[in-house]
């Protein structure tokens, strides 16, 4: 494998991690930065442009107390300035205790099937399809068991990672 291929794969993985972070922090600008402006994202419940997706995510995920998109296996096949990428993800969506169904964790097993393109030297998503493999919903405790001195994460710019 050539050094430039290793660099390309690292840049692609960085975009994937940035998008997971942007999603969990509900950061529209960070989400948009992962796509070419003419890209298409298809999440099933949503299909549209990166700008539309960046507006949809905070609304769609706003019902949850927190979310966490954990990336796993990632296969990257480079073909010039195009890359075909399949990334496994376990996505946790935690409902708050005051939700009509009570506190619970909806765990999704999914894969992102992406076409990345390198344009002007930057690898970004040109097309994304979110493929759902399973869903599991389990009860969550009513109280946070790790109160002080533990620091809680936030699904917005008040998260400690922004300071």
N, C-alpha and C. Protein backbone atom coordinates (compact mmCIF):
# COMPACT_ATOMS: atom_id res chain seq x y z
N UNK A 1 0.85 -1.18 0.00
CA UNK A 1 0.00 0.00 0.00
C UNK A 1 0.89 1.24 0.00
N UNK A 2 0.52 2.21 -0.81
CA UNK A 2 1.29 3.43 -0.92
C UNK A 2 0.97 4.37 0.25
N UNK A 3 1.92 5.22 0.58
CA UNK A 3 1.74 6.17 1.68
C UNK A 3 0.54 7.08 1.42
N UNK A 4 0.33 7.48 0.17
CA UNK A 4 -0.81 8.37 -0.13
C UNK A 4 -2.15 7.67 0.12
N UNK A 5 -2.18 6.34 -0.05
CA UNK A 5 -3.40 5.58 0.25
C UNK A 5 -3.67 5.58 1.75
N UNK A 6 -2.61 5.42 2.54
CA UNK A 6 -2.76 5.45 4.00
C UNK A 6 -3.27 6.82 4.46
N UNK A 7 -2.74 7.87 3.86
CA UNK A 7 -3.18 9.23 4.20
C UNK A 7 -4.64 9.42 3.82
N UNK A 8 -5.02 8.95 2.63
CA UNK A 8 -6.42 9.08 2.18
C UNK A 8 -7.36 8.35 3.14
N UNK A 9 -7.01 7.14 3.53
CA UNK A 9 -7.85 6.37 4.44
C UNK A 9 -7.96 7.05 5.80
N UNK A 10 -6.87 7.63 6.27
CA UNK A 10 -6.91 8.34 7.55
C UNK A 10 -7.81 9.57 7.46
N UNK A 11 -7.72 10.30 6.34
CA UNK A 11 -8.58 11.47 6.15
C UNK A 11 -10.05 11.07 6.12
N UNK A 12 -10.36 9.96 5.48
CA UNK A 12 -11.74 9.47 5.41
C UNK A 12 -12.24 9.09 6.80
N UNK A 13 -11.42 8.37 7.56
CA UNK A 13 -11.81 7.99 8.93
C UNK A 13 -12.03 9.23 9.81
N UNK A 14 -11.23 10.25 9.59
CA UNK A 14 -11.39 11.50 10.35
C UNK A 14 -12.73 12.15 10.03
N UNK A 15 -13.14 12.14 8.77
CA UNK A 15 -14.45 12.69 8.40
C UNK A 15 -15.56 11.90 9.08
N UNK A 16 -15.44 10.58 9.09
CA UNK A 16 -16.45 9.74 9.72
C UNK A 16 -16.57 10.05 11.22
N UNK A 17 -15.44 10.20 11.89
CA UNK A 17 -15.45 10.52 13.32
C UNK A 17 -16.02 11.92 13.57
N UNK A 18 -15.67 12.85 12.70
CA UNK A 18 -16.19 14.22 12.84
C UNK A 18 -17.70 14.25 12.67
N UNK A 19 -18.21 13.45 11.74
CA UNK A 19 -19.66 13.41 11.52
C UNK A 19 -20.38 12.78 12.71
N UNK A 20 -19.82 11.73 13.30
CA UNK A 20 -20.42 11.12 14.49
C UNK A 20 -20.45 12.14 15.63
N UNK A 21 -19.36 12.87 15.80
CA UNK A 21 -19.32 13.90 16.84
C UNK A 21 -20.33 15.00 16.58
N UNK A 22 -20.39 15.48 15.34
CA UNK A 22 -21.34 16.53 14.98
C UNK A 22 -22.78 16.10 15.23
N UNK A 23 -23.06 14.83 14.94
CA UNK A 23 -24.41 14.30 15.16
C UNK A 23 -24.73 14.27 16.66
N UNK A 24 -23.83 13.74 17.46
CA UNK A 24 -24.09 13.61 18.90
C UNK A 24 -24.09 14.95 19.62
N UNK A 25 -23.41 15.93 19.09
CA UNK A 25 -23.40 17.27 19.68
C UNK A 25 -24.43 18.19 19.02
N UNK A 26 -25.17 17.66 18.01
CA UNK A 26 -26.20 18.41 17.28
C UNK A 26 -25.60 19.68 16.67
N UNK A 27 -24.40 19.54 16.11
CA UNK A 27 -23.64 20.67 15.57
C UNK A 27 -23.79 20.69 14.05
N UNK A 28 -24.70 21.53 13.57
CA UNK A 28 -24.99 21.59 12.14
C UNK A 28 -23.79 21.93 11.28
N UNK A 29 -22.99 22.87 11.73
CA UNK A 29 -21.81 23.26 10.94
C UNK A 29 -20.83 22.11 10.82
N UNK A 30 -20.63 21.38 11.89
CA UNK A 30 -19.72 20.24 11.86
C UNK A 30 -20.27 19.14 10.96
N UNK A 31 -21.56 18.91 11.01
CA UNK A 31 -22.19 17.92 10.13
C UNK A 31 -21.98 18.31 8.67
N UNK A 32 -22.30 19.56 8.32
CA UNK A 32 -22.16 20.02 6.93
C UNK A 32 -20.72 19.90 6.43
N UNK A 33 -19.75 20.08 7.33
CA UNK A 33 -18.34 20.06 6.93
C UNK A 33 -17.87 18.69 6.46
N UNK A 34 -18.69 17.67 6.64
CA UNK A 34 -18.30 16.31 6.28
C UNK A 34 -18.78 15.90 4.89
N UNK A 35 -19.54 16.75 4.25
CA UNK A 35 -20.16 16.45 2.95
C UNK A 35 -19.75 17.47 1.89
N UNK A 36 -19.70 17.01 0.66
CA UNK A 36 -19.67 17.95 -0.46
C UNK A 36 -21.06 18.61 -0.51
N UNK A 37 -21.13 19.85 -0.94
CA UNK A 37 -22.40 20.59 -0.89
C UNK A 37 -23.49 19.95 -1.74
N UNK A 38 -23.11 19.22 -2.80
CA UNK A 38 -24.10 18.58 -3.66
C UNK A 38 -24.36 17.12 -3.29
N UNK A 39 -23.92 16.71 -2.12
CA UNK A 39 -24.08 15.33 -1.67
C UNK A 39 -25.54 15.02 -1.36
N UNK A 40 -25.82 13.73 -1.23
CA UNK A 40 -27.15 13.26 -0.82
C UNK A 40 -26.97 12.31 0.35
N UNK A 41 -27.79 12.50 1.39
CA UNK A 41 -27.79 11.61 2.54
C UNK A 41 -29.16 10.94 2.61
N UNK A 42 -29.16 9.62 2.72
CA UNK A 42 -30.40 8.85 2.81
C UNK A 42 -30.37 8.04 4.10
N UNK A 43 -31.11 8.52 5.10
CA UNK A 43 -31.23 7.84 6.38
C UNK A 43 -32.57 7.10 6.51
N UNK A 44 -33.28 6.95 5.43
CA UNK A 44 -34.60 6.32 5.48
C UNK A 44 -35.66 7.34 5.87
N UNK A 45 -35.66 7.76 7.12
CA UNK A 45 -36.61 8.77 7.59
C UNK A 45 -36.28 10.15 7.03
N UNK A 46 -35.08 10.30 6.51
CA UNK A 46 -34.63 11.55 5.90
C UNK A 46 -33.88 11.23 4.62
N UNK A 47 -34.11 12.02 3.59
CA UNK A 47 -33.32 11.94 2.36
C UNK A 47 -33.21 13.34 1.81
N UNK A 48 -31.96 13.85 1.69
CA UNK A 48 -31.79 15.20 1.19
C UNK A 48 -30.34 15.64 1.20
N UNK A 49 -30.17 16.94 1.15
CA UNK A 49 -28.85 17.56 1.04
C UNK A 49 -28.17 17.64 2.41
N UNK A 50 -26.86 17.89 2.42
CA UNK A 50 -26.17 18.06 3.69
C UNK A 50 -26.74 19.22 4.54
N UNK A 51 -27.10 20.31 3.89
CA UNK A 51 -27.67 21.44 4.64
C UNK A 51 -28.99 21.05 5.29
N UNK A 52 -29.81 20.32 4.54
CA UNK A 52 -31.09 19.86 5.09
C UNK A 52 -30.87 18.83 6.20
N UNK A 53 -29.90 17.94 6.00
CA UNK A 53 -29.59 16.94 7.01
C UNK A 53 -29.11 17.61 8.30
N UNK A 54 -28.27 18.62 8.16
CA UNK A 54 -27.74 19.34 9.33
C UNK A 54 -28.85 20.05 10.10
N UNK A 55 -29.93 20.42 9.43
CA UNK A 55 -31.09 21.00 10.12
C UNK A 55 -31.97 19.92 10.72
N UNK A 56 -32.06 18.78 10.05
CA UNK A 56 -32.94 17.70 10.49
C UNK A 56 -32.41 17.00 11.74
N UNK A 57 -31.10 16.79 11.82
CA UNK A 57 -30.51 16.03 12.93
C UNK A 57 -30.88 16.60 14.29
N UNK A 58 -30.65 17.88 14.57
CA UNK A 58 -31.00 18.39 15.91
C UNK A 58 -32.48 18.25 16.24
N UNK A 59 -33.33 18.40 15.24
CA UNK A 59 -34.78 18.23 15.48
C UNK A 59 -35.12 16.78 15.75
N UNK A 60 -34.62 15.88 14.92
CA UNK A 60 -34.94 14.46 15.06
C UNK A 60 -34.37 13.87 16.35
N UNK A 61 -33.18 14.32 16.73
CA UNK A 61 -32.54 13.77 17.93
C UNK A 61 -32.87 14.56 19.19
N UNK A 62 -33.60 15.67 19.03
CA UNK A 62 -33.93 16.53 20.17
C UNK A 62 -34.78 15.86 21.23
N UNK A 63 -35.46 14.78 20.89
CA UNK A 63 -36.29 14.09 21.87
C UNK A 63 -35.46 13.24 22.83
N UNK A 64 -34.20 13.00 22.51
CA UNK A 64 -33.36 12.12 23.32
C UNK A 64 -32.55 12.91 24.34
N UNK A 65 -32.34 12.29 25.51
CA UNK A 65 -31.48 12.89 26.52
C UNK A 65 -30.03 12.91 26.03
N UNK A 66 -29.65 11.88 25.29
CA UNK A 66 -28.31 11.82 24.73
C UNK A 66 -28.29 10.77 23.61
N UNK A 67 -27.29 10.89 22.76
CA UNK A 67 -27.04 9.89 21.73
C UNK A 67 -25.54 9.63 21.68
N UNK A 68 -25.17 8.45 21.20
CA UNK A 68 -23.76 8.14 21.01
C UNK A 68 -23.64 7.21 19.82
N UNK A 69 -22.95 7.67 18.80
CA UNK A 69 -22.70 6.89 17.60
C UNK A 69 -21.26 6.37 17.67
N UNK A 70 -21.14 5.07 17.89
CA UNK A 70 -19.83 4.44 18.07
C UNK A 70 -19.47 3.71 16.78
N UNK A 71 -18.41 4.17 16.13
CA UNK A 71 -17.98 3.58 14.86
C UNK A 71 -17.12 2.34 15.12
N UNK A 72 -17.31 1.35 14.27
CA UNK A 72 -16.55 0.11 14.39
C UNK A 72 -15.79 -0.18 13.11
N UNK A 73 -15.92 -1.40 12.61
CA UNK A 73 -15.21 -1.81 11.40
C UNK A 73 -15.49 -0.83 10.27
N UNK A 74 -14.44 -0.47 9.57
CA UNK A 74 -14.59 0.42 8.42
C UNK A 74 -13.77 -0.13 7.26
N UNK A 75 -14.45 -0.46 6.17
CA UNK A 75 -13.79 -0.94 4.96
C UNK A 75 -13.74 0.20 3.96
N UNK A 76 -12.54 0.48 3.46
CA UNK A 76 -12.35 1.59 2.52
C UNK A 76 -11.68 1.04 1.27
N UNK A 77 -12.36 1.16 0.13
CA UNK A 77 -11.81 0.74 -1.15
C UNK A 77 -11.56 1.99 -1.99
N UNK A 78 -10.30 2.32 -2.18
CA UNK A 78 -9.93 3.51 -2.96
C UNK A 78 -9.90 3.20 -4.44
N UNK A 79 -10.39 4.17 -5.22
CA UNK A 79 -10.38 4.05 -6.68
C UNK A 79 -10.14 5.45 -7.24
N UNK A 80 -8.88 5.84 -7.28
CA UNK A 80 -8.54 7.20 -7.72
C UNK A 80 -9.06 8.22 -6.72
N UNK A 81 -9.89 9.14 -7.21
CA UNK A 81 -10.45 10.19 -6.35
C UNK A 81 -11.81 9.82 -5.79
N UNK A 82 -12.13 8.54 -5.84
CA UNK A 82 -13.38 8.02 -5.28
C UNK A 82 -13.02 6.93 -4.27
N UNK A 83 -13.81 6.83 -3.22
CA UNK A 83 -13.64 5.76 -2.24
C UNK A 83 -15.01 5.21 -1.89
N UNK A 84 -15.11 3.89 -1.87
CA UNK A 84 -16.33 3.22 -1.44
C UNK A 84 -16.08 2.75 -0.02
N UNK A 85 -16.93 3.22 0.90
CA UNK A 85 -16.67 3.04 2.32
C UNK A 85 -17.90 2.44 2.99
N UNK A 86 -17.67 1.39 3.78
CA UNK A 86 -18.73 0.80 4.60
C UNK A 86 -18.26 0.85 6.05
N UNK A 87 -19.04 1.53 6.90
CA UNK A 87 -18.68 1.69 8.31
C UNK A 87 -19.78 1.11 9.18
N UNK A 88 -19.39 0.26 10.11
CA UNK A 88 -20.33 -0.27 11.08
C UNK A 88 -20.49 0.74 12.21
N UNK A 89 -21.70 0.82 12.75
CA UNK A 89 -21.97 1.77 13.82
C UNK A 89 -22.98 1.17 14.79
N UNK A 90 -22.73 1.36 16.07
CA UNK A 90 -23.73 1.08 17.10
C UNK A 90 -24.18 2.44 17.63
N UNK A 91 -25.45 2.72 17.46
CA UNK A 91 -25.98 4.04 17.83
C UNK A 91 -26.93 3.89 19.02
N UNK A 92 -26.62 4.59 20.07
CA UNK A 92 -27.46 4.61 21.27
C UNK A 92 -28.29 5.90 21.26
N UNK A 93 -29.57 5.75 21.52
CA UNK A 93 -30.49 6.88 21.60
C UNK A 93 -31.22 6.74 22.95
N UNK A 94 -30.87 7.58 23.90
CA UNK A 94 -31.38 7.45 25.26
C UNK A 94 -32.57 8.39 25.47
N UNK A 95 -33.71 7.79 25.74
CA UNK A 95 -34.92 8.55 26.03
C UNK A 95 -34.87 9.05 27.48
N UNK A 96 -35.34 10.27 27.74
CA UNK A 96 -35.34 10.78 29.11
C UNK A 96 -36.43 10.11 29.95
N UNK A 97 -36.29 10.17 31.28
CA UNK A 97 -37.29 9.54 32.15
C UNK A 97 -38.71 10.07 31.96
N UNK A 98 -38.84 11.34 31.53
CA UNK A 98 -40.19 11.92 31.36
C UNK A 98 -40.82 11.58 30.01
N UNK A 99 -40.15 10.79 29.19
CA UNK A 99 -40.73 10.35 27.92
C UNK A 99 -41.93 9.45 28.22
N UNK A 100 -43.00 9.50 27.41
CA UNK A 100 -44.16 8.65 27.66
C UNK A 100 -43.82 7.16 27.82
N UNK A 101 -42.78 6.69 27.16
CA UNK A 101 -42.38 5.28 27.29
C UNK A 101 -41.38 5.05 28.41
N UNK A 102 -41.01 6.12 29.11
CA UNK A 102 -40.04 6.01 30.20
C UNK A 102 -38.61 6.04 29.70
N UNK A 103 -37.69 6.03 30.65
CA UNK A 103 -36.26 6.06 30.33
C UNK A 103 -35.86 4.73 29.70
N UNK A 104 -35.28 4.80 28.52
CA UNK A 104 -34.83 3.59 27.84
C UNK A 104 -33.74 3.95 26.83
N UNK A 105 -33.01 2.92 26.44
CA UNK A 105 -31.93 3.07 25.47
C UNK A 105 -32.31 2.28 24.23
N UNK A 106 -32.51 3.01 23.12
CA UNK A 106 -32.77 2.37 21.84
C UNK A 106 -31.43 2.21 21.14
N UNK A 107 -31.01 0.96 20.98
CA UNK A 107 -29.70 0.65 20.42
C UNK A 107 -29.91 0.17 18.98
N UNK A 108 -29.26 0.85 18.07
CA UNK A 108 -29.38 0.51 16.65
C UNK A 108 -28.05 -0.03 16.14
N UNK A 109 -28.11 -1.14 15.44
CA UNK A 109 -26.96 -1.63 14.70
C UNK A 109 -27.15 -1.19 13.27
N UNK A 110 -26.22 -0.43 12.77
CA UNK A 110 -26.38 0.08 11.41
C UNK A 110 -25.04 0.15 10.71
N UNK A 111 -25.13 0.38 9.42
CA UNK A 111 -23.93 0.58 8.60
C UNK A 111 -24.14 1.79 7.72
N UNK A 112 -23.08 2.55 7.55
CA UNK A 112 -23.08 3.66 6.61
C UNK A 112 -22.38 3.17 5.35
N UNK A 113 -23.10 3.21 4.24
CA UNK A 113 -22.54 2.85 2.95
C UNK A 113 -22.34 4.16 2.20
N UNK A 114 -21.09 4.57 2.11
CA UNK A 114 -20.75 5.90 1.60
C UNK A 114 -19.93 5.85 0.32
N UNK A 115 -20.12 6.87 -0.49
CA UNK A 115 -19.18 7.15 -1.58
C UNK A 115 -18.50 8.46 -1.22
N UNK A 116 -17.22 8.40 -1.00
CA UNK A 116 -16.42 9.59 -0.75
C UNK A 116 -15.79 10.02 -2.07
N UNK A 117 -15.60 11.31 -2.21
CA UNK A 117 -14.87 11.83 -3.37
C UNK A 117 -13.84 12.84 -2.88
N UNK A 118 -12.68 12.79 -3.53
CA UNK A 118 -11.64 13.79 -3.24
C UNK A 118 -11.77 14.88 -4.29
N UNK A 119 -12.13 16.06 -3.81
CA UNK A 119 -12.25 17.23 -4.67
C UNK A 119 -11.41 18.34 -4.06
N UNK A 120 -10.64 19.00 -4.90
CA UNK A 120 -9.74 20.07 -4.44
C UNK A 120 -8.91 19.59 -3.25
N UNK A 121 -8.50 18.32 -3.31
CA UNK A 121 -7.63 17.77 -2.29
C UNK A 121 -8.30 17.34 -1.00
N UNK A 122 -9.64 17.43 -0.92
CA UNK A 122 -10.36 17.08 0.32
C UNK A 122 -11.28 15.90 0.10
N UNK A 123 -11.19 14.91 0.99
CA UNK A 123 -12.09 13.77 0.97
C UNK A 123 -13.33 14.12 1.77
N UNK A 124 -14.50 14.06 1.13
CA UNK A 124 -15.77 14.30 1.80
C UNK A 124 -16.82 13.34 1.24
N UNK A 125 -17.92 13.21 1.95
CA UNK A 125 -18.99 12.31 1.52
C UNK A 125 -19.74 12.93 0.34
N UNK A 126 -19.91 12.13 -0.72
CA UNK A 126 -20.70 12.53 -1.88
C UNK A 126 -22.08 11.88 -1.85
N UNK A 127 -22.15 10.69 -1.24
CA UNK A 127 -23.43 9.98 -1.13
C UNK A 127 -23.38 9.07 0.08
N UNK A 128 -24.44 9.11 0.88
CA UNK A 128 -24.52 8.24 2.07
C UNK A 128 -25.85 7.53 2.10
N UNK A 129 -25.78 6.23 2.37
CA UNK A 129 -26.97 5.41 2.62
C UNK A 129 -26.79 4.78 3.99
N UNK A 130 -27.75 5.00 4.88
CA UNK A 130 -27.73 4.39 6.20
C UNK A 130 -28.55 3.11 6.14
N UNK A 131 -27.91 1.98 6.42
CA UNK A 131 -28.53 0.66 6.36
C UNK A 131 -28.72 0.16 7.79
N UNK A 132 -29.96 -0.16 8.14
CA UNK A 132 -30.27 -0.60 9.50
C UNK A 132 -30.27 -2.12 9.57
N UNK A 133 -29.52 -2.68 10.52
CA UNK A 133 -29.43 -4.13 10.67
C UNK A 133 -30.24 -4.65 11.86
N UNK A 134 -30.33 -3.89 12.94
CA UNK A 134 -31.14 -4.32 14.08
C UNK A 134 -31.44 -3.13 14.99
N UNK A 135 -32.42 -3.34 15.84
CA UNK A 135 -32.80 -2.36 16.84
C UNK A 135 -33.17 -3.10 18.11
N UNK A 136 -32.73 -2.58 19.23
CA UNK A 136 -33.00 -3.17 20.53
C UNK A 136 -33.31 -2.04 21.49
N UNK A 137 -34.38 -2.17 22.24
CA UNK A 137 -34.74 -1.14 23.20
C UNK A 137 -34.75 -1.77 24.59
N UNK A 138 -33.98 -1.18 25.50
CA UNK A 138 -33.88 -1.70 26.86
C UNK A 138 -34.17 -0.60 27.87
N UNK A 139 -34.75 -0.95 29.02
CA UNK A 139 -35.02 0.07 30.04
C UNK A 139 -33.71 0.70 30.54
N UNK A 140 -33.80 1.96 30.89
CA UNK A 140 -32.65 2.66 31.47
C UNK A 140 -33.03 3.08 32.89
N UNK A 141 -32.05 3.19 33.74
CA UNK A 141 -32.32 3.60 35.12
C UNK A 141 -32.86 5.02 35.19
N UNK A 142 -33.59 5.31 36.27
CA UNK A 142 -34.16 6.65 36.43
C UNK A 142 -33.14 7.67 36.89
N UNK A 143 -32.08 7.25 37.53
CA UNK A 143 -31.13 8.20 38.10
C UNK A 143 -29.74 7.97 37.50
N UNK A 144 -29.02 9.04 37.36
CA UNK A 144 -27.63 8.96 36.90
C UNK A 144 -26.80 8.45 38.07
N UNK A 145 -26.18 7.28 37.92
CA UNK A 145 -25.49 6.68 39.07
C UNK A 145 -24.12 7.27 39.36
N UNK A 146 -23.64 8.14 38.50
CA UNK A 146 -22.27 8.64 38.64
C UNK A 146 -22.23 10.14 38.90
N UNK A 147 -23.04 10.62 39.83
CA UNK A 147 -23.03 12.05 40.14
C UNK A 147 -21.67 12.46 40.69
N UNK A 148 -21.50 13.74 40.96
CA UNK A 148 -20.17 14.29 41.26
C UNK A 148 -19.28 13.26 41.93
N UNK A 149 -18.05 13.19 41.48
CA UNK A 149 -17.31 14.17 40.69
C UNK A 149 -17.31 13.93 39.18
N UNK A 150 -18.19 13.08 38.66
CA UNK A 150 -18.20 12.81 37.23
C UNK A 150 -18.85 13.96 36.46
N UNK A 151 -18.31 14.25 35.30
CA UNK A 151 -18.81 15.33 34.44
C UNK A 151 -19.75 14.72 33.41
N UNK A 152 -20.95 15.26 33.30
CA UNK A 152 -21.94 14.78 32.32
C UNK A 152 -21.69 15.40 30.96
N UNK A 153 -21.88 14.61 29.92
CA UNK A 153 -21.83 15.11 28.55
C UNK A 153 -23.13 15.83 28.23
N UNK A 154 -23.09 16.66 27.19
CA UNK A 154 -24.26 17.42 26.75
C UNK A 154 -24.42 17.23 25.25
N UNK A 155 -25.67 17.23 24.75
CA UNK A 155 -25.88 17.08 23.30
C UNK A 155 -25.86 18.42 22.57
N UNK A 156 -25.00 19.33 23.00
CA UNK A 156 -24.96 20.66 22.38
C UNK A 156 -23.59 21.29 22.64
N UNK A 157 -23.46 22.58 22.35
CA UNK A 157 -22.17 23.26 22.49
C UNK A 157 -21.76 23.50 23.94
N UNK A 158 -22.63 23.14 24.88
CA UNK A 158 -22.25 23.23 26.30
C UNK A 158 -21.49 21.98 26.75
N UNK A 159 -21.30 21.02 25.83
CA UNK A 159 -20.52 19.84 26.15
C UNK A 159 -19.08 20.25 26.49
N UNK A 160 -18.45 19.58 27.48
CA UNK A 160 -17.09 19.96 27.86
C UNK A 160 -16.08 19.91 26.72
N UNK A 161 -16.34 19.14 25.67
CA UNK A 161 -15.38 19.06 24.56
C UNK A 161 -15.23 20.37 23.80
N UNK A 162 -16.17 21.29 23.99
CA UNK A 162 -16.09 22.59 23.30
C UNK A 162 -15.28 23.62 24.08
N UNK A 163 -14.96 23.33 25.34
CA UNK A 163 -14.22 24.33 26.14
C UNK A 163 -12.74 24.17 25.99
